[in-house]
Amino acid sequence: MKRAISVLTLVVAILLAAGCATADRSVSTDPGSTDLEVRIYEVFGMDCPGCHGGLEKLVLRVQGVEAAQANWEQKRLTVTVSSGVELDDEAVFEAVRQANFTPGERLQ
């Protein structure tokens, strides 16, 4: 019985870790680390850690986005713009809407 509980606990822990995993592409917000432009947007409607994965995937499809990282607790989306590209904020806002969230203001 103890072995079954241990195995069950291990399986639950693995599933939780997989569900909370972030996107493969992340962004450094240290402005001295690269010459890429970093933008920060408000996003409303993210209520749990699982919410941000779909948002990041949709924003990564926007032409000119190098990386995207959402934070549901801070209600922020950090976007790294590809070098030499003019990124349209409205395209990012549309991706946020497609993910069923509400875009706020561009903060940076």
C-alpha atoms as a PDB file:
ATOM      1  CA  MET A   1       0.000   0.000   0.000  1.00  0.00           C
ATOM      2  CA  LYS A   2       2.823   2.414   0.855  1.00  0.00           C
ATOM      3  CA  ARG A   3       4.448   1.662  -2.488  1.00  0.00           C
ATOM      4  CA  ALA A   4       1.220   2.439  -4.360  1.00  0.00           C
ATOM      5  CA  ILE A   5       0.859   5.756  -2.535  1.00  0.00           C
ATOM      6  CA  SER A   6       4.489   6.624  -3.301  1.00  0.00           C
ATOM      7  CA  VAL A   7       4.036   5.839  -6.991  1.00  0.00           C
ATOM      8  CA  LEU A   8       0.788   7.807  -7.119  1.00  0.00           C
ATOM      9  CA  THR A   9       2.439  10.784  -5.416  1.00  0.00           C
ATOM     10  CA  LEU A  10       5.308  10.662  -7.914  1.00  0.00           C
ATOM     11  CA  VAL A  11       2.912  10.552 -10.880  1.00  0.00           C
ATOM     12  CA  VAL A  12       0.928  13.519  -9.551  1.00  0.00           C
ATOM     13  CA  ALA A  13       4.142  15.510  -8.993  1.00  0.00           C
ATOM     14  CA  ILE A  14       5.316  14.812 -12.550  1.00  0.00           C
ATOM     15  CA  LEU A  15       1.953  15.832 -14.019  1.00  0.00           C
ATOM     16  CA  LEU A  16       1.923  19.052 -12.003  1.00  0.00           C
ATOM     17  CA  ALA A  17       5.446  19.893 -13.113  1.00  0.00           C
ATOM     18  CA  ALA A  18       4.539  19.262 -16.755  1.00  0.00           C
ATOM     19  CA  GLY A  19       1.413  21.419 -16.489  1.00  0.00           C
ATOM     20  CA  CYS A  20       3.298  24.330 -14.971  1.00  0.00           C
ATOM     21  CA  ALA A  21       6.164  24.239 -17.462  1.00  0.00           C
ATOM     22  CA  THR A  22       6.822  27.475 -19.314  1.00  0.00           C
ATOM     23  CA  ALA A  23       7.336  27.963 -23.027  1.00  0.00           C
ATOM     24  CA  ASP A  24      10.649  26.906 -24.537  1.00  0.00           C
ATOM     25  CA  ARG A  25      11.512  30.427 -25.607  1.00  0.00           C
ATOM     26  CA  SER A  26      12.088  32.902 -22.824  1.00  0.00           C
ATOM     27  CA  VAL A  27      13.332  36.447 -22.701  1.00  0.00           C
ATOM     28  CA  SER A  28      15.954  38.292 -20.729  1.00  0.00           C
ATOM     29  CA  THR A  29      14.723  41.633 -19.462  1.00  0.00           C
ATOM     30  CA  ASP A  30      18.270  42.841 -18.788  1.00  0.00           C
ATOM     31  CA  PRO A  31      18.628  45.715 -21.262  1.00  0.00           C
ATOM     32  CA  GLY A  32      22.415  45.341 -21.338  1.00  0.00           C
ATOM     33  CA  SER A  33      22.323  41.692 -22.395  1.00  0.00           C
ATOM     34  CA  THR A  34      21.326  42.269 -26.061  1.00  0.00           C
ATOM     35  CA  ASP A  35      20.492  45.018 -28.490  1.00  0.00           C
ATOM     36  CA  LEU A  36      16.946  43.700 -28.947  1.00  0.00           C
ATOM     37  CA  GLU A  37      13.974  45.863 -27.986  1.00  0.00           C
ATOM     38  CA  VAL A  38      11.909  44.606 -25.044  1.00  0.00           C
ATOM     39  CA  ARG A  39       8.278  45.667 -24.653  1.00  0.00           C
ATOM     40  CA  ILE A  40       5.979  45.061 -21.705  1.00  0.00           C
ATOM     41  CA  TYR A  41       2.197  44.942 -22.017  1.00  0.00           C
ATOM     42  CA  GLU A  42      -0.653  44.621 -19.518  1.00  0.00           C
ATOM     43  CA  VAL A  43      -2.844  41.552 -20.027  1.00  0.00           C
ATOM     44  CA  PHE A  44      -6.053  40.972 -18.086  1.00  0.00           C
ATOM     45  CA  GLY A  45      -7.832  37.653 -17.584  1.00  0.00           C
ATOM     46  CA  MET A  46      -4.919  35.332 -16.799  1.00  0.00           C
ATOM     47  CA  ASP A  47      -5.999  33.579 -13.597  1.00  0.00           C
ATOM     48  CA  CYS A  48      -3.622  30.616 -13.222  1.00  0.00           C
ATOM     49  CA  PRO A  49      -0.126  29.440 -14.195  1.00  0.00           C
ATOM     50  CA  GLY A  50      -1.531  27.398 -17.082  1.00  0.00           C
ATOM     51  CA  CYS A  51      -3.026  30.470 -18.746  1.00  0.00           C
ATOM     52  CA  HIS A  52       0.189  31.941 -20.060  1.00  0.00           C
ATOM     53  CA  GLY A  53       1.332  29.074 -22.312  1.00  0.00           C
ATOM     54  CA  GLY A  54      -1.310  29.576 -24.990  1.00  0.00           C
ATOM     55  CA  LEU A  55      -0.827  33.327 -24.928  1.00  0.00           C
ATOM     56  CA  GLU A  56       2.922  32.987 -25.437  1.00  0.00           C
ATOM     57  CA  LYS A  57       2.422  30.617 -28.384  1.00  0.00           C
ATOM     58  CA  LEU A  58       0.026  33.008 -30.136  1.00  0.00           C
ATOM     59  CA  VAL A  59       2.254  36.045 -29.558  1.00  0.00           C
ATOM     60  CA  LEU A  60       5.267  34.131 -30.921  1.00  0.00           C
ATOM     61  CA  ARG A  61       3.361  33.817 -34.229  1.00  0.00           C
ATOM     62  CA  VAL A  62       3.280  37.610 -34.617  1.00  0.00           C
ATOM     63  CA  GLN A  63       5.755  38.750 -37.251  1.00  0.00           C
ATOM     64  CA  GLY A  64       8.701  40.451 -35.565  1.00  0.00           C
ATOM     65  CA  VAL A  65       8.388  38.734 -32.172  1.00  0.00           C
ATOM     66  CA  GLU A  66      11.613  37.035 -31.112  1.00  0.00           C
ATOM     67  CA  ALA A  67      10.421  35.843 -27.679  1.00  0.00           C
ATOM     68  CA  ALA A  68       7.393  36.163 -25.406  1.00  0.00           C
ATOM     69  CA  GLN A  69       6.985  35.550 -21.697  1.00  0.00           C
ATOM     70  CA  ALA A  70       3.722  35.996 -19.811  1.00  0.00           C
ATOM     71  CA  ASN A  71       3.374  36.363 -16.047  1.00  0.00           C
ATOM     72  CA  TRP A  72      -0.143  35.683 -14.782  1.00  0.00           C
ATOM     73  CA  GLU A  73       0.545  37.026 -11.278  1.00  0.00           C
ATOM     74  CA  GLN A  74       1.799  40.399 -12.510  1.00  0.00           C
ATOM     75  CA  LYS A  75      -0.656  40.438 -15.445  1.00  0.00           C
ATOM     76  CA  ARG A  76       2.233  41.254 -17.771  1.00  0.00           C
ATOM     77  CA  LEU A  77       3.438  40.093 -21.172  1.00  0.00           C
ATOM     78  CA  THR A  78       7.092  40.695 -22.002  1.00  0.00           C
ATOM     79  CA  VAL A  79       7.892  40.646 -25.723  1.00  0.00           C
ATOM     80  CA  THR A  80      11.336  40.752 -27.309  1.00  0.00           C
ATOM     81  CA  VAL A  81      11.273  42.308 -30.767  1.00  0.00           C
ATOM     82  CA  SER A  82      13.458  40.811 -33.497  1.00  0.00           C
ATOM     83  CA  SER A  83      16.424  42.970 -34.459  1.00  0.00           C
ATOM     84  CA  GLY A  84      15.673  45.511 -37.187  1.00  0.00           C
ATOM     85  CA  VAL A  85      11.912  44.891 -37.145  1.00  0.00           C
ATOM     86  CA  GLU A  86       9.129  47.404 -36.519  1.00  0.00           C
ATOM     87  CA  LEU A  87       6.590  45.547 -34.377  1.00  0.00           C
ATOM     88  CA  ASP A  88       2.989  46.752 -34.539  1.00  0.00           C
ATOM     89  CA  ASP A  89       1.475  46.889 -31.039  1.00  0.00           C
ATOM     90  CA  GLU A  90      -1.973  46.223 -32.507  1.00  0.00           C
ATOM     91  CA  ALA A  91      -0.739  42.836 -33.812  1.00  0.00           C
ATOM     92  CA  VAL A  92       0.305  41.920 -30.264  1.00  0.00           C
ATOM     93  CA  PHE A  93      -3.054  43.116 -28.900  1.00  0.00           C
ATOM     94  CA  GLU A  94      -4.868  40.982 -31.489  1.00  0.00           C
ATOM     95  CA  ALA A  95      -2.867  37.897 -30.420  1.00  0.00           C
ATOM     96  CA  VAL A  96      -3.859  38.632 -26.808  1.00  0.00           C
ATOM     97  CA  ARG A  97      -7.517  38.790 -27.865  1.00  0.00           C
ATOM     98  CA  GLN A  98      -7.187  35.518 -29.826  1.00  0.00           C
ATOM     99  CA  ALA A  99      -5.951  33.891 -26.605  1.00  0.00           C
ATOM    100  CA  ASN A 100      -9.207  35.099 -24.978  1.00  0.00           C
ATOM    101  CA  PHE A 101      -7.532  37.697 -22.776  1.00  0.00           C
ATOM    102  CA  THR A 102      -7.989  41.453 -22.625  1.00  0.00           C
ATOM    103  CA  PRO A 103      -5.055  43.632 -23.682  1.00  0.00           C
ATOM    104  CA  GLY A 104      -4.235  46.610 -21.500  1.00  0.00           C
ATOM    105  CA  GLU A 105      -1.670  49.309 -22.139  1.00  0.00           C
ATOM    106  CA  ARG A 106       1.854  49.013 -23.423  1.00  0.00           C
ATOM    107  CA  LEU A 107       3.909  49.786 -20.315  1.00  0.00           C
ATOM    108  CA  GLN A 108       7.367  49.872 -21.887  1.00  0.00           C
END
